[in-house]
Amino acid sequence: MVLFHSRSSVIFLLQELFLILQVFRALLRFLLFLKLYFYNYLYRHLLFLRFLASYLDKVYQNVFFVITLFVSLFLDLF
């Protein structure tokens, strides 16, 4: 049995294949957009957490210095 496709059916199949490829291309672009958006979201929060950590580290150093100062002054009283 020989399968025979007319020229119009081959063109139709090529058009369908092209449409499917366009849909996959659009989906890949959307996934790339989501990936970059998610990485940007994480990067912004990472920058905020790094700023917060450095700020708290400086505050901790200042608080430790003040506590040490008060303890030394308290010990000097006796």
Protein backbone atom coordinates (compact mmCIF):
# COMPACT_ATOMS: atom_id res chain seq x y z
CA MET A 1 0.00 0.00 0.00
CA VAL A 2 1.45 3.33 -1.05
CA LEU A 3 0.65 6.44 0.94
CA PHE A 4 0.08 9.39 -1.32
CA HIS A 5 -0.12 12.93 -0.03
CA SER A 6 -1.16 15.72 -2.24
CA ARG A 7 0.85 18.89 -2.35
CA SER A 8 -1.78 20.81 -0.39
CA SER A 9 -1.73 18.31 2.47
CA VAL A 10 2.09 18.55 2.68
CA ILE A 11 1.84 22.34 2.79
CA PHE A 12 -0.85 22.05 5.44
CA LEU A 13 1.38 19.76 7.53
CA LEU A 14 4.29 22.17 7.17
CA GLN A 15 2.08 25.05 8.26
CA GLU A 16 0.93 23.06 11.29
CA LEU A 17 4.52 22.20 12.16
CA PHE A 18 5.51 25.85 11.85
CA LEU A 19 2.61 26.85 14.11
CA ILE A 20 3.65 24.26 16.72
CA LEU A 21 7.22 25.56 16.57
CA GLN A 22 5.99 29.12 17.07
CA VAL A 23 4.00 28.04 20.13
CA PHE A 24 7.03 26.26 21.61
CA ARG A 25 9.16 29.32 20.89
CA ALA A 26 6.67 31.55 22.71
CA LEU A 27 6.58 29.13 25.65
CA LEU A 28 10.37 29.07 25.85
CA ARG A 29 10.50 32.87 25.83
CA PHE A 30 7.90 32.98 28.59
CA LEU A 31 9.89 30.47 30.67
CA LEU A 32 13.05 32.51 30.12
CA PHE A 33 11.19 35.63 31.25
CA LEU A 34 9.99 33.85 34.40
CA LYS A 35 13.50 32.58 35.12
CA LEU A 36 15.05 36.03 34.77
CA TYR A 37 12.26 37.62 36.81
CA PHE A 38 12.76 35.04 39.58
CA TYR A 39 16.55 35.52 39.57
CA ASN A 40 16.09 39.30 39.71
CA TYR A 41 13.65 38.86 42.63
CA LEU A 42 16.14 36.67 44.50
CA TYR A 43 19.04 39.02 43.74
CA ARG A 44 17.14 42.05 45.07
CA HIS A 45 16.32 40.20 48.29
CA LEU A 46 19.90 38.97 48.56
CA LEU A 47 21.14 42.55 48.30
CA PHE A 48 18.68 43.62 50.99
CA LEU A 49 19.74 40.77 53.28
CA ARG A 50 23.41 41.62 52.77
CA PHE A 51 22.69 45.25 53.65
CA LEU A 52 20.71 44.17 56.70
CA ALA A 53 23.49 41.82 57.82
CA SER A 54 26.15 44.50 57.50
CA TYR A 55 23.94 47.01 59.32
CA LEU A 56 23.20 44.58 62.15
CA ASP A 57 26.89 43.68 62.36
CA LYS A 58 27.76 47.35 62.87
CA VAL A 59 24.95 47.78 65.40
CA TYR A 60 26.11 44.65 67.23
CA GLN A 61 29.67 46.00 67.36
CA ASN A 62 28.43 49.33 68.74
CA VAL A 63 26.18 47.63 71.30
CA PHE A 64 29.03 45.34 72.35
CA PHE A 65 31.30 48.38 72.73
CA VAL A 66 28.72 50.22 74.88
CA ILE A 67 28.14 47.15 77.07
CA THR A 68 31.90 46.69 77.49
CA LEU A 69 32.23 50.37 78.37
CA PHE A 70 29.49 50.19 81.00
CA VAL A 71 30.91 46.98 82.47
CA SER A 72 34.37 48.49 82.70
CA LEU A 73 32.95 51.66 84.28
CA PHE A 74 30.92 49.57 86.71
CA LEU A 75 33.98 47.51 87.64
CA ASP A 76 36.00 50.70 88.11
CA LEU A 77 33.51 51.83 90.76
CA PHE A 78 34.54 48.99 93.07
